[in-house]
């Protein structure tokens, strides 16, 4: 798994490439924690290049969305591959976390909410 973090105004985009599973989910959780510790609590997880996520990946997303919301921010997900979207849908995550077609739409959604 590779993670790239970029800033877009007041939103942090965390782009993930590869699979998210029990071997590397902690790495993802740690990557999300960096901007949160810096007070950047508007996050977008770009899943455009994620081919698989396990329950460990779901736990990472859940912990991150809870941290963000507790501090007044949010986590949004963009560009889900069909197989990953199915996992999120079956597990109920699509009713917990807002899903967008692309990172730009997710970033813009924060501007619209302000």
PDB file of N, CA and C in Angstrom:
ATOM      1  N   UNK A   1       0.843  -1.173   0.000  1.00  0.00           N
ATOM      2  CA  UNK A   1       0.000   0.000   0.000  1.00  0.00           C
ATOM      3  C   UNK A   1       0.887   1.235   0.000  1.00  0.00           C
ATOM      4  N   UNK A   2       0.500   2.216  -0.812  1.00  0.00           N
ATOM      5  CA  UNK A   2       1.184   3.505  -0.855  1.00  0.00           C
ATOM      6  C   UNK A   2       0.186   4.586  -0.467  1.00  0.00           C
ATOM      7  N   UNK A   3       0.652   5.578   0.279  1.00  0.00           N
ATOM      8  CA  UNK A   3      -0.203   6.668   0.730  1.00  0.00           C
ATOM      9  C   UNK A   3       0.443   7.993   0.358  1.00  0.00           C
ATOM     10  N   UNK A   4      -0.352   8.878  -0.245  1.00  0.00           N
ATOM     11  CA  UNK A   4       0.107  10.223  -0.582  1.00  0.00           C
ATOM     12  C   UNK A   4      -0.866  11.216   0.037  1.00  0.00           C
ATOM     13  N   UNK A   5      -0.331  12.199   0.738  1.00  0.00           N
ATOM     14  CA  UNK A   5      -1.168  13.201   1.391  1.00  0.00           C
ATOM     15  C   UNK A   5      -0.935  14.548   0.722  1.00  0.00           C
ATOM     16  N   UNK A   6      -2.031  15.196   0.314  1.00  0.00           N
ATOM     17  CA  UNK A   6      -1.953  16.529  -0.269  1.00  0.00           C
ATOM     18  C   UNK A   6      -2.967  17.435   0.415  1.00  0.00           C
ATOM     19  N   UNK A   7      -2.681  18.709   0.402  1.00  0.00           N
ATOM     20  CA  UNK A   7      -3.573  19.705   0.997  1.00  0.00           C
ATOM     21  C   UNK A   7      -4.273  20.472  -0.116  1.00  0.00           C
ATOM     22  N   UNK A   8      -5.571  20.636   0.021  1.00  0.00           N
ATOM     23  CA  UNK A   8      -6.367  21.442  -0.908  1.00  0.00           C
ATOM     24  C   UNK A   8      -7.162  22.432  -0.076  1.00  0.00           C
ATOM     25  N   UNK A   9      -6.613  23.613   0.076  1.00  0.00           N
ATOM     26  CA  UNK A   9      -7.203  24.633   0.944  1.00  0.00           C
ATOM     27  C   UNK A   9      -7.307  24.085   2.365  1.00  0.00           C
ATOM     28  N   UNK A  10      -8.519  23.954   2.870  1.00  0.00           N
ATOM     29  CA  UNK A  10      -8.718  23.490   4.249  1.00  0.00           C
ATOM     30  C   UNK A  10      -9.003  21.992   4.321  1.00  0.00           C
ATOM     31  N   UNK A  11      -8.806  21.288   3.212  1.00  0.00           N
ATOM     32  CA  UNK A  11      -9.112  19.854   3.153  1.00  0.00           C
ATOM     33  C   UNK A  11      -7.833  19.069   2.876  1.00  0.00           C
ATOM     34  N   UNK A  12      -7.663  17.974   3.583  1.00  0.00           N
ATOM     35  CA  UNK A  12      -6.524  17.077   3.378  1.00  0.00           C
ATOM     36  C   UNK A  12      -7.012  15.861   2.601  1.00  0.00           C
ATOM     37  N   UNK A  13      -6.343  15.580   1.487  1.00  0.00           N
ATOM     38  CA  UNK A  13      -6.695  14.426   0.665  1.00  0.00           C
ATOM     39  C   UNK A  13      -5.645  13.342   0.897  1.00  0.00           C
ATOM     40  N   UNK A  14      -6.103  12.182   1.328  1.00  0.00           N
ATOM     41  CA  UNK A  14      -5.239  11.034   1.565  1.00  0.00           C
ATOM     42  C   UNK A  14      -5.523  10.027   0.451  1.00  0.00           C
ATOM     43  N   UNK A  15      -4.588   9.924  -0.496  1.00  0.00           N
ATOM     44  CA  UNK A  15      -4.747   9.007  -1.628  1.00  0.00           C
ATOM     45  C   UNK A  15      -4.058   7.693  -1.294  1.00  0.00           C
ATOM     46  N   UNK A  16      -4.803   6.608  -1.456  1.00  0.00           N
ATOM     47  CA  UNK A  16      -4.300   5.276  -1.112  1.00  0.00           C
ATOM     48  C   UNK A  16      -4.215   4.449  -2.387  1.00  0.00           C
ATOM     49  N   UNK A  17      -3.140   3.684  -2.511  1.00  0.00           N
ATOM     50  CA  UNK A  17      -2.952   2.803  -3.673  1.00  0.00           C
ATOM     51  C   UNK A  17      -2.649   1.399  -3.169  1.00  0.00           C
ATOM     52  N   UNK A  18      -3.389   0.414  -3.702  1.00  0.00           N
ATOM     53  CA  UNK A  18      -3.151  -0.978  -3.334  1.00  0.00           C
ATOM     54  C   UNK A  18      -4.270  -1.541  -2.482  1.00  0.00           C
ATOM     55  N   UNK A  19      -3.952  -2.545  -1.713  1.00  0.00           N
ATOM     56  CA  UNK A  19      -4.917  -3.202  -0.826  1.00  0.00           C
ATOM     57  C   UNK A  19      -4.768  -2.683   0.591  1.00  0.00           C
ATOM     58  N   UNK A  20      -5.896  -2.616   1.299  1.00  0.00           N
ATOM     59  CA  UNK A  20      -5.884  -2.249   2.715  1.00  0.00           C
ATOM     60  C   UNK A  20      -6.340  -3.492   3.476  1.00  0.00           C
ATOM     61  N   UNK A  21      -5.424  -4.035   4.277  1.00  0.00           N
ATOM     62  CA  UNK A  21      -5.741  -5.261   5.008  1.00  0.00           C
ATOM     63  C   UNK A  21      -5.071  -5.234   6.375  1.00  0.00           C
ATOM     64  N   UNK A  22      -5.128  -6.348   7.076  1.00  0.00           N
ATOM     65  CA  UNK A  22      -4.596  -6.401   8.437  1.00  0.00           C
ATOM     66  C   UNK A  22      -3.088  -6.164   8.492  1.00  0.00           C
ATOM     67  N   UNK A  23      -2.396  -6.355   7.392  1.00  0.00           N
ATOM     68  CA  UNK A  23      -0.947  -6.132   7.378  1.00  0.00           C
ATOM     69  C   UNK A  23      -0.579  -4.662   7.317  1.00  0.00           C
ATOM     70  N   UNK A  24      -1.477  -3.816   6.806  1.00  0.00           N
ATOM     71  CA  UNK A  24      -1.093  -2.419   6.645  1.00  0.00           C
ATOM     72  C   UNK A  24      -2.159  -1.409   7.100  1.00  0.00           C
ATOM     73  N   UNK A  25      -3.251  -1.861   7.668  1.00  0.00           N
ATOM     74  CA  UNK A  25      -4.301  -0.938   8.100  1.00  0.00           C
ATOM     75  C   UNK A  25      -3.809   0.044   9.149  1.00  0.00           C
ATOM     76  N   UNK A  26      -2.899  -0.387   9.999  1.00  0.00           N
ATOM     77  CA  UNK A  26      -2.347   0.518  11.017  1.00  0.00           C
ATOM     78  C   UNK A  26      -1.571   1.658  10.362  1.00  0.00           C
ATOM     79  N   UNK A  27      -0.920   1.366   9.246  1.00  0.00           N
ATOM     80  CA  UNK A  27      -0.220   2.404   8.489  1.00  0.00           C
ATOM     81  C   UNK A  27      -1.220   3.452   7.986  1.00  0.00           C
ATOM     82  N   UNK A  28      -2.373   3.002   7.529  1.00  0.00           N
ATOM     83  CA  UNK A  28      -3.407   3.930   7.069  1.00  0.00           C
ATOM     84  C   UNK A  28      -3.947   4.754   8.234  1.00  0.00           C
ATOM     85  N   UNK A  29      -4.217   4.115   9.346  1.00  0.00           N
ATOM     86  CA  UNK A  29      -4.703   4.827  10.530  1.00  0.00           C
ATOM     87  C   UNK A  29      -3.700   5.894  10.957  1.00  0.00           C
ATOM     88  N   UNK A  30      -2.429   5.556  10.935  1.00  0.00           N
ATOM     89  CA  UNK A  30      -1.379   6.514  11.299  1.00  0.00           C
ATOM     90  C   UNK A  30      -1.312   7.673  10.311  1.00  0.00           C
ATOM     91  N   UNK A  31      -1.490   7.380   9.027  1.00  0.00           N
ATOM     92  CA  UNK A  31      -1.466   8.433   8.005  1.00  0.00           C
ATOM     93  C   UNK A  31      -2.629   9.405   8.214  1.00  0.00           C
ATOM     94  N   UNK A  32      -3.806   8.888   8.543  1.00  0.00           N
ATOM     95  CA  UNK A  32      -4.949   9.753   8.831  1.00  0.00           C
ATOM     96  C   UNK A  32      -4.712  10.575  10.100  1.00  0.00           C
ATOM     97  N   UNK A  33      -4.019  10.012  11.071  1.00  0.00           N
ATOM     98  CA  UNK A  33      -3.811  10.682  12.362  1.00  0.00           C
ATOM     99  C   UNK A  33      -2.922  11.913  12.247  1.00  0.00           C
ATOM    100  N   UNK A  34      -2.014  11.928  11.287  1.00  0.00           N
ATOM    101  CA  UNK A  34      -1.077  13.055  11.156  1.00  0.00           C
ATOM    102  C   UNK A  34      -1.815  14.377  10.950  1.00  0.00           C
ATOM    103  N   UNK A  35      -2.658  14.516   9.926  1.00  0.00           N
ATOM    104  CA  UNK A  35      -3.346  15.797   9.778  1.00  0.00           C
ATOM    105  C   UNK A  35      -4.304  16.104  10.930  1.00  0.00           C
ATOM    106  N   UNK A  36      -4.928  15.073  11.487  1.00  0.00           N
ATOM    107  CA  UNK A  36      -5.847  15.308  12.610  1.00  0.00           C
ATOM    108  C   UNK A  36      -5.090  15.920  13.785  1.00  0.00           C
ATOM    109  N   UNK A  37      -3.905  15.420  14.083  1.00  0.00           N
ATOM    110  CA  UNK A  37      -3.094  15.979  15.179  1.00  0.00           C
ATOM    111  C   UNK A  37      -2.697  17.415  14.899  1.00  0.00           C
ATOM    112  N   UNK A  38      -2.621  17.786  13.610  1.00  0.00           N
ATOM    113  CA  UNK A  38      -2.279  19.152  13.217  1.00  0.00           C
ATOM    114  C   UNK A  38      -3.509  20.051  13.149  1.00  0.00           C
ATOM    115  N   UNK A  39      -4.684  19.497  13.503  1.00  0.00           N
ATOM    116  CA  UNK A  39      -5.916  20.272  13.482  1.00  0.00           C
ATOM    117  C   UNK A  39      -6.624  20.281  12.140  1.00  0.00           C
ATOM    118  N   UNK A  40      -6.125  19.497  11.206  1.00  0.00           N
ATOM    119  CA  UNK A  40      -6.759  19.398   9.885  1.00  0.00           C
ATOM    120  C   UNK A  40      -7.757  18.233   9.943  1.00  0.00           C
ATOM    121  N   UNK A  41      -9.012  18.582  10.180  1.00  0.00           N
ATOM    122  CA  UNK A  41     -10.033  17.579  10.476  1.00  0.00           C
ATOM    123  C   UNK A  41     -11.050  17.408   9.355  1.00  0.00           C
ATOM    124  N   UNK A  42     -10.765  17.991   8.209  1.00  0.00           N
ATOM    125  CA  UNK A  42     -11.584  17.780   7.007  1.00  0.00           C
ATOM    126  C   UNK A  42     -10.764  16.897   6.079  1.00  0.00           C
ATOM    127  N   UNK A  43     -11.095  15.612   6.055  1.00  0.00           N
ATOM    128  CA  UNK A  43     -10.302  14.644   5.297  1.00  0.00           C
ATOM    129  C   UNK A  43     -11.108  14.000   4.172  1.00  0.00           C
ATOM    130  N   UNK A  44     -10.410  13.743   3.079  1.00  0.00           N
ATOM    131  CA  UNK A  44     -10.969  12.971   1.970  1.00  0.00           C
ATOM    132  C   UNK A  44     -10.048  11.775   1.751  1.00  0.00           C
ATOM    133  N   UNK A  45     -10.613  10.581   1.781  1.00  0.00           N
ATOM    134  CA  UNK A  45      -9.863   9.363   1.465  1.00  0.00           C
ATOM    135  C   UNK A  45     -10.121   9.048  -0.009  1.00  0.00           C
ATOM    136  N   UNK A  46      -9.084   9.200  -0.827  1.00  0.00           N
ATOM    137  CA  UNK A  46      -9.187   8.906  -2.255  1.00  0.00           C
ATOM    138  C   UNK A  46      -8.882   7.421  -2.450  1.00  0.00           C
ATOM    139  N   UNK A  47      -9.928   6.650  -2.705  1.00  0.00           N
ATOM    140  CA  UNK A  47      -9.812   5.194  -2.860  1.00  0.00           C
ATOM    141  C   UNK A  47      -9.763   4.765  -4.325  1.00  0.00           C
ATOM    142  N   UNK A  48      -9.461   5.692  -5.223  1.00  0.00           N
ATOM    143  CA  UNK A  48      -9.456   5.391  -6.641  1.00  0.00           C
ATOM    144  C   UNK A  48      -8.533   4.261  -7.043  1.00  0.00           C
ATOM    145  N   UNK A  49      -7.458   4.055  -6.295  1.00  0.00           N
ATOM    146  CA  UNK A  49      -6.491   3.002  -6.615  1.00  0.00           C
ATOM    147  C   UNK A  49      -6.474   1.899  -5.564  1.00  0.00           C
ATOM    148  N   UNK A  50      -7.546   1.812  -4.760  1.00  0.00           N
ATOM    149  CA  UNK A  50      -7.657   0.736  -3.765  1.00  0.00           C
ATOM    150  C   UNK A  50      -8.444  -0.410  -4.391  1.00  0.00           C
ATOM    151  N   UNK A  51      -7.820  -1.567  -4.423  1.00  0.00           N
ATOM    152  CA  UNK A  51      -8.429  -2.724  -5.071  1.00  0.00           C
ATOM    153  C   UNK A  51      -9.117  -3.669  -4.093  1.00  0.00           C
ATOM    154  N   UNK A  52      -8.818  -3.511  -2.795  1.00  0.00           N
ATOM    155  CA  UNK A  52      -9.372  -4.427  -1.799  1.00  0.00           C
ATOM    156  C   UNK A  52      -9.274  -3.780  -0.434  1.00  0.00           C
ATOM    157  N   UNK A  53     -10.287  -3.987   0.397  1.00  0.00           N
ATOM    158  CA  UNK A  53     -10.186  -3.608   1.801  1.00  0.00           C
ATOM    159  C   UNK A  53     -10.798  -4.706   2.658  1.00  0.00           C
ATOM    160  N   UNK A  54     -10.142  -4.994   3.749  1.00  0.00           N
ATOM    161  CA  UNK A  54     -10.636  -5.993   4.703  1.00  0.00           C
ATOM    162  C   UNK A  54     -11.328  -5.271   5.853  1.00  0.00           C
ATOM    163  N   UNK A  55     -11.770  -6.032   6.822  1.00  0.00           N
ATOM    164  CA  UNK A  55     -12.396  -5.439   8.005  1.00  0.00           C
ATOM    165  C   UNK A  55     -11.412  -4.546   8.760  1.00  0.00           C
ATOM    166  N   UNK A  56     -10.124  -4.827   8.658  1.00  0.00           N
ATOM    167  CA  UNK A  56      -9.120  -3.971   9.299  1.00  0.00           C
ATOM    168  C   UNK A  56      -9.123  -2.586   8.655  1.00  0.00           C
ATOM    169  N   UNK A  57      -9.289  -2.539   7.354  1.00  0.00           N
ATOM    170  CA  UNK A  57      -9.398  -1.259   6.662  1.00  0.00           C
ATOM    171  C   UNK A  57     -10.651  -0.511   7.074  1.00  0.00           C
ATOM    172  N   UNK A  58     -11.743  -1.228   7.241  1.00  0.00           N
ATOM    173  CA  UNK A  58     -12.987  -0.611   7.695  1.00  0.00           C
ATOM    174  C   UNK A  58     -12.825  -0.030   9.101  1.00  0.00           C
ATOM    175  N   UNK A  59     -12.134  -0.760   9.967  1.00  0.00           N
ATOM    176  CA  UNK A  59     -11.887  -0.249  11.330  1.00  0.00           C
ATOM    177  C   UNK A  59     -11.074   1.035  11.285  1.00  0.00           C
ATOM    178  N   UNK A  60     -10.109   1.114  10.382  1.00  0.00           N
ATOM    179  CA  UNK A  60      -9.300   2.328  10.231  1.00  0.00           C
ATOM    180  C   UNK A  60     -10.181   3.505   9.813  1.00  0.00           C
ATOM    181  N   UNK A  61     -11.068   3.276   8.850  1.00  0.00           N
ATOM    182  CA  UNK A  61     -11.978   4.330   8.410  1.00  0.00           C
ATOM    183  C   UNK A  61     -12.915   4.766   9.535  1.00  0.00           C
ATOM    184  N   UNK A  62     -13.446   3.799  10.268  1.00  0.00           N
ATOM    185  CA  UNK A  62     -14.372   4.109  11.351  1.00  0.00           C
ATOM    186  C   UNK A  62     -13.684   4.915  12.458  1.00  0.00           C
ATOM    187  N   UNK A  63     -12.496   4.515  12.842  1.00  0.00           N
ATOM    188  CA  UNK A  63     -11.753   5.257  13.872  1.00  0.00           C
ATOM    189  C   UNK A  63     -11.472   6.681  13.411  1.00  0.00           C
ATOM    190  N   UNK A  64     -11.132   6.829  12.134  1.00  0.00           N
ATOM    191  CA  UNK A  64     -10.808   8.157  11.606  1.00  0.00           C
ATOM    192  C   UNK A  64     -12.037   9.047  11.545  1.00  0.00           C
ATOM    193  N   UNK A  65     -13.156   8.522  11.063  1.00  0.00           N
ATOM    194  CA  UNK A  65     -14.362   9.348  10.981  1.00  0.00           C
ATOM    195  C   UNK A  65     -14.821   9.753  12.382  1.00  0.00           C
ATOM    196  N   UNK A  66     -14.687   8.874  13.345  1.00  0.00           N
ATOM    197  CA  UNK A  66     -15.049   9.222  14.729  1.00  0.00           C
ATOM    198  C   UNK A  66     -14.157  10.334  15.262  1.00  0.00           C
ATOM    199  N   UNK A  67     -12.849  10.231  15.036  1.00  0.00           N
ATOM    200  CA  UNK A  67     -11.917  11.271  15.495  1.00  0.00           C
ATOM    201  C   UNK A  67     -12.236  12.613  14.850  1.00  0.00           C
ATOM    202  N   UNK A  68     -12.453  12.600  13.538  1.00  0.00           N
ATOM    203  CA  UNK A  68     -12.754  13.844  12.835  1.00  0.00           C
ATOM    204  C   UNK A  68     -14.038  14.482  13.347  1.00  0.00           C
ATOM    205  N   UNK A  69     -15.080  13.700  13.455  1.00  0.00           N
ATOM    206  CA  UNK A  69     -16.377  14.243  13.878  1.00  0.00           C
ATOM    207  C   UNK A  69     -16.354  14.722  15.320  1.00  0.00           C
ATOM    208  N   UNK A  70     -15.623  14.023  16.167  1.00  0.00           N
ATOM    209  CA  UNK A  70     -15.500  14.438  17.571  1.00  0.00           C
ATOM    210  C   UNK A  70     -14.898  15.837  17.667  1.00  0.00           C
ATOM    211  N   UNK A  71     -14.030  16.178  16.700  1.00  0.00           N
ATOM    212  CA  UNK A  71     -13.352  17.471  16.697  1.00  0.00           C
ATOM    213  C   UNK A  71     -14.046  18.508  15.810  1.00  0.00           C
ATOM    214  N   UNK A  72     -15.198  18.132  15.223  1.00  0.00           N
ATOM    215  CA  UNK A  72     -15.954  19.070  14.405  1.00  0.00           C
ATOM    216  C   UNK A  72     -15.690  18.978  12.911  1.00  0.00           C
ATOM    217  N   UNK A  73     -14.975  17.950  12.473  1.00  0.00           N
ATOM    218  CA  UNK A  73     -14.686  17.760  11.056  1.00  0.00           C
ATOM    219  C   UNK A  73     -15.409  16.549  10.508  1.00  0.00           C
ATOM    220  N   UNK A  74     -14.845  15.979   9.445  1.00  0.00           N
ATOM    221  CA  UNK A  74     -15.462  14.799   8.850  1.00  0.00           C
ATOM    222  C   UNK A  74     -14.455  14.102   7.939  1.00  0.00           C
ATOM    223  N   UNK A  75     -14.764  12.854   7.627  1.00  0.00           N
ATOM    224  CA  UNK A  75     -14.025  12.060   6.643  1.00  0.00           C
ATOM    225  C   UNK A  75     -14.996  11.709   5.537  1.00  0.00           C
ATOM    226  N   UNK A  76     -14.560  11.931   4.296  1.00  0.00           N
ATOM    227  CA  UNK A  76     -15.364  11.566   3.130  1.00  0.00           C
ATOM    228  C   UNK A  76     -14.521  10.672   2.239  1.00  0.00           C
ATOM    229  N   UNK A  77     -15.185   9.800   1.497  1.00  0.00           N
ATOM    230  CA  UNK A  77     -14.473   8.854   0.637  1.00  0.00           C
ATOM    231  C   UNK A  77     -14.802   9.163  -0.817  1.00  0.00           C
ATOM    232  N   UNK A  78     -13.794   9.056  -1.674  1.00  0.00           N
ATOM    233  CA  UNK A  78     -13.987   9.334  -3.094  1.00  0.00           C
ATOM    234  C   UNK A  78     -13.441   8.202  -3.955  1.00  0.00           C
ATOM    235  N   UNK A  79     -14.041   8.050  -5.122  1.00  0.00           N
ATOM    236  CA  UNK A  79     -13.542   7.181  -6.194  1.00  0.00           C
ATOM    237  C   UNK A  79     -13.453   5.705  -5.813  1.00  0.00           C
ATOM    238  N   UNK A  80     -14.510   5.176  -5.254  1.00  0.00           N
ATOM    239  CA  UNK A  80     -14.499   3.760  -4.866  1.00  0.00           C
ATOM    240  C   UNK A  80     -14.545   2.847  -6.088  1.00  0.00           C
ATOM    241  N   UNK A  81     -13.708   1.836  -6.089  1.00  0.00           N
ATOM    242  CA  UNK A  81     -13.791   0.775  -7.080  1.00  0.00           C
ATOM    243  C   UNK A  81     -15.024  -0.071  -6.738  1.00  0.00           C
ATOM    244  N   UNK A  82     -15.680  -0.677  -7.733  1.00  0.00           N
ATOM    245  CA  UNK A  82     -16.925  -1.425  -7.459  1.00  0.00           C
ATOM    246  C   UNK A  82     -16.791  -2.486  -6.370  1.00  0.00           C
ATOM    247  N   UNK A  83     -15.689  -3.240  -6.363  1.00  0.00           N
ATOM    248  CA  UNK A  83     -15.535  -4.296  -5.367  1.00  0.00           C
ATOM    249  C   UNK A  83     -15.354  -3.734  -3.958  1.00  0.00           C
ATOM    250  N   UNK A  84     -14.731  -2.572  -3.838  1.00  0.00           N
ATOM    251  CA  UNK A  84     -14.550  -1.939  -2.528  1.00  0.00           C
ATOM    252  C   UNK A  84     -15.860  -1.284  -2.093  1.00  0.00           C
ATOM    253  N   UNK A  85     -16.558  -0.670  -3.039  1.00  0.00           N
ATOM    254  CA  UNK A  85     -17.857  -0.074  -2.715  1.00  0.00           C
ATOM    255  C   UNK A  85     -18.825  -1.144  -2.203  1.00  0.00           C
ATOM    256  N   UNK A  86     -18.767  -2.321  -2.770  1.00  0.00           N
ATOM    257  CA  UNK A  86     -19.630  -3.422  -2.327  1.00  0.00           C
ATOM    258  C   UNK A  86     -19.339  -3.780  -0.868  1.00  0.00           C
ATOM    259  N   UNK A  87     -18.080  -3.859  -0.498  1.00  0.00           N
ATOM    260  CA  UNK A  87     -17.699  -4.169   0.882  1.00  0.00           C
ATOM    261  C   UNK A  87     -18.227  -3.079   1.823  1.00  0.00           C
ATOM    262  N   UNK A  88     -18.046  -1.820   1.446  1.00  0.00           N
ATOM    263  CA  UNK A  88     -18.534  -0.725   2.281  1.00  0.00           C
ATOM    264  C   UNK A  88     -20.062  -0.738   2.377  1.00  0.00           C
ATOM    265  N   UNK A  89     -20.718  -1.060   1.295  1.00  0.00           N
ATOM    266  CA  UNK A  89     -22.175  -1.106   1.292  1.00  0.00           C
ATOM    267  C   UNK A  89     -22.699  -2.239   2.173  1.00  0.00           C
ATOM    268  N   UNK A  90     -22.159  -3.425   2.006  1.00  0.00           N
ATOM    269  CA  UNK A  90     -22.589  -4.592   2.794  1.00  0.00           C
ATOM    270  C   UNK A  90     -22.369  -4.361   4.290  1.00  0.00           C
ATOM    271  N   UNK A  91     -21.279  -3.691   4.622  1.00  0.00           N
ATOM    272  CA  UNK A  91     -20.951  -3.465   6.031  1.00  0.00           C
ATOM    273  C   UNK A  91     -21.659  -2.251   6.619  1.00  0.00           C
ATOM    274  N   UNK A  92     -22.435  -1.527   5.808  1.00  0.00           N
ATOM    275  CA  UNK A  92     -23.191  -0.390   6.311  1.00  0.00           C
ATOM    276  C   UNK A  92     -22.438   0.928   6.305  1.00  0.00           C
ATOM    277  N   UNK A  93     -21.232   0.955   5.796  1.00  0.00           N
ATOM    278  CA  UNK A  93     -20.423   2.161   5.821  1.00  0.00           C
ATOM    279  C   UNK A  93     -20.951   3.265   4.903  1.00  0.00           C
ATOM    280  N   UNK A  94     -21.695   2.882   3.871  1.00  0.00           N
ATOM    281  CA  UNK A  94     -22.218   3.898   2.968  1.00  0.00           C
ATOM    282  C   UNK A  94     -23.295   4.759   3.633  1.00  0.00           C
ATOM    283  N   UNK A  95     -23.805   4.322   4.759  1.00  0.00           N
ATOM    284  CA  UNK A  95     -24.750   5.149   5.507  1.00  0.00           C
ATOM    285  C   UNK A  95     -24.052   5.951   6.610  1.00  0.00           C
ATOM    286  N   UNK A  96     -22.783   5.653   6.848  1.00  0.00           N
ATOM    287  CA  UNK A  96     -22.016   6.337   7.895  1.00  0.00           C
ATOM    288  C   UNK A  96     -21.131   7.430   7.305  1.00  0.00           C
ATOM    289  N   UNK A  97     -20.506   7.129   6.176  1.00  0.00           N
ATOM    290  CA  UNK A  97     -19.528   8.030   5.554  1.00  0.00           C
ATOM    291  C   UNK A  97     -20.046   8.450   4.188  1.00  0.00           C
ATOM    292  N   UNK A  98     -19.947   9.743   3.895  1.00  0.00           N
ATOM    293  CA  UNK A  98     -20.383  10.250   2.599  1.00  0.00           C
ATOM    294  C   UNK A  98     -19.413   9.789   1.513  1.00  0.00           C
ATOM    295  N   UNK A  99     -19.985   9.313   0.403  1.00  0.00           N
ATOM    296  CA  UNK A  99     -19.210   8.777  -0.713  1.00  0.00           C
ATOM    297  C   UNK A  99     -19.376   9.712  -1.917  1.00  0.00           C
ATOM    298  N   UNK A 100     -18.268   9.985  -2.610  1.00  0.00           N
ATOM    299  CA  UNK A 100     -18.279  10.864  -3.771  1.00  0.00           C
ATOM    300  C   UNK A 100     -17.619  10.174  -4.955  1.00  0.00           C
ATOM    301  N   UNK A 101     -18.001  10.593  -6.156  1.00  0.00           N
ATOM    302  CA  UNK A 101     -17.452   9.998  -7.375  1.00  0.00           C
ATOM    303  C   UNK A 101     -15.973  10.311  -7.573  1.00  0.00           C
ATOM    304  N   UNK A 102     -15.535  11.476  -7.086  1.00  0.00           N
ATOM    305  CA  UNK A 102     -14.138  11.870  -7.274  1.00  0.00           C
ATOM    306  C   UNK A 102     -13.690  12.758  -6.120  1.00  0.00           C
ATOM    307  N   UNK A 103     -12.368  12.887  -5.936  1.00  0.00           N
ATOM    308  CA  UNK A 103     -11.855  13.707  -4.833  1.00  0.00           C
ATOM    309  C   UNK A 103     -12.293  15.169  -4.921  1.00  0.00           C
ATOM    310  N   UNK A 104     -12.389  15.694  -6.135  1.00  0.00           N
ATOM    311  CA  UNK A 104     -12.786  17.091  -6.302  1.00  0.00           C
ATOM    312  C   UNK A 104     -14.182  17.335  -5.731  1.00  0.00           C
ATOM    313  N   UNK A 105     -15.105  16.406  -6.000  1.00  0.00           N
ATOM    314  CA  UNK A 105     -16.455  16.532  -5.466  1.00  0.00           C
ATOM    315  C   UNK A 105     -16.485  16.455  -3.949  1.00  0.00           C
ATOM    316  N   UNK A 106     -15.655  15.586  -3.403  1.00  0.00           N
ATOM    317  CA  UNK A 106     -15.581  15.449  -1.944  1.00  0.00           C
ATOM    318  C   UNK A 106     -15.008  16.712  -1.311  1.00  0.00           C
ATOM    319  N   UNK A 107     -13.946  17.257  -1.919  1.00  0.00           N
ATOM    320  CA  UNK A 107     -13.348  18.498  -1.407  1.00  0.00           C
ATOM    321  C   UNK A 107     -14.368  19.628  -1.492  1.00  0.00           C
ATOM    322  N   UNK A 108     -15.045  19.737  -2.627  1.00  0.00           N
ATOM    323  CA  UNK A 108     -16.046  20.788  -2.822  1.00  0.00           C
ATOM    324  C   UNK A 108     -17.185  20.672  -1.832  1.00  0.00           C
ATOM    325  N   UNK A 109     -17.533  19.461  -1.416  1.00  0.00           N
ATOM    326  CA  UNK A 109     -18.634  19.271  -0.472  1.00  0.00           C
ATOM    327  C   UNK A 109     -18.340  19.942   0.870  1.00  0.00           C
ATOM    328  N   UNK A 110     -17.070  20.023   1.232  1.00  0.00           N
ATOM    329  CA  UNK A 110     -16.720  20.725   2.468  1.00  0.00           C
ATOM    330  C   UNK A 110     -16.941  22.228   2.308  1.00  0.00           C
ATOM    331  N   UNK A 111     -16.623  22.757   1.137  1.00  0.00           N
ATOM    332  CA  UNK A 111     -16.831  24.192   0.880  1.00  0.00           C
ATOM    333  C   UNK A 111     -18.323  24.510   0.922  1.00  0.00           C
ATOM    334  N   UNK A 112     -19.128  23.630   0.326  1.00  0.00           N
ATOM    335  CA  UNK A 112     -20.573  23.859   0.281  1.00  0.00           C
ATOM    336  C   UNK A 112     -21.193  23.801   1.663  1.00  0.00           C
ATOM    337  N   UNK A 113     -20.599  23.015   2.561  1.00  0.00           N
ATOM    338  CA  UNK A 113     -21.133  22.856   3.921  1.00  0.00           C
ATOM    339  C   UNK A 113     -20.734  24.012   4.831  1.00  0.00           C
ATOM    340  N   UNK A 114     -19.746  24.789   4.405  1.00  0.00           N
ATOM    341  CA  UNK A 114     -19.237  25.882   5.271  1.00  0.00           C
ATOM    342  C   UNK A 114     -20.158  27.075   5.288  1.00  0.00           C
TER     343      UNK A 114
END
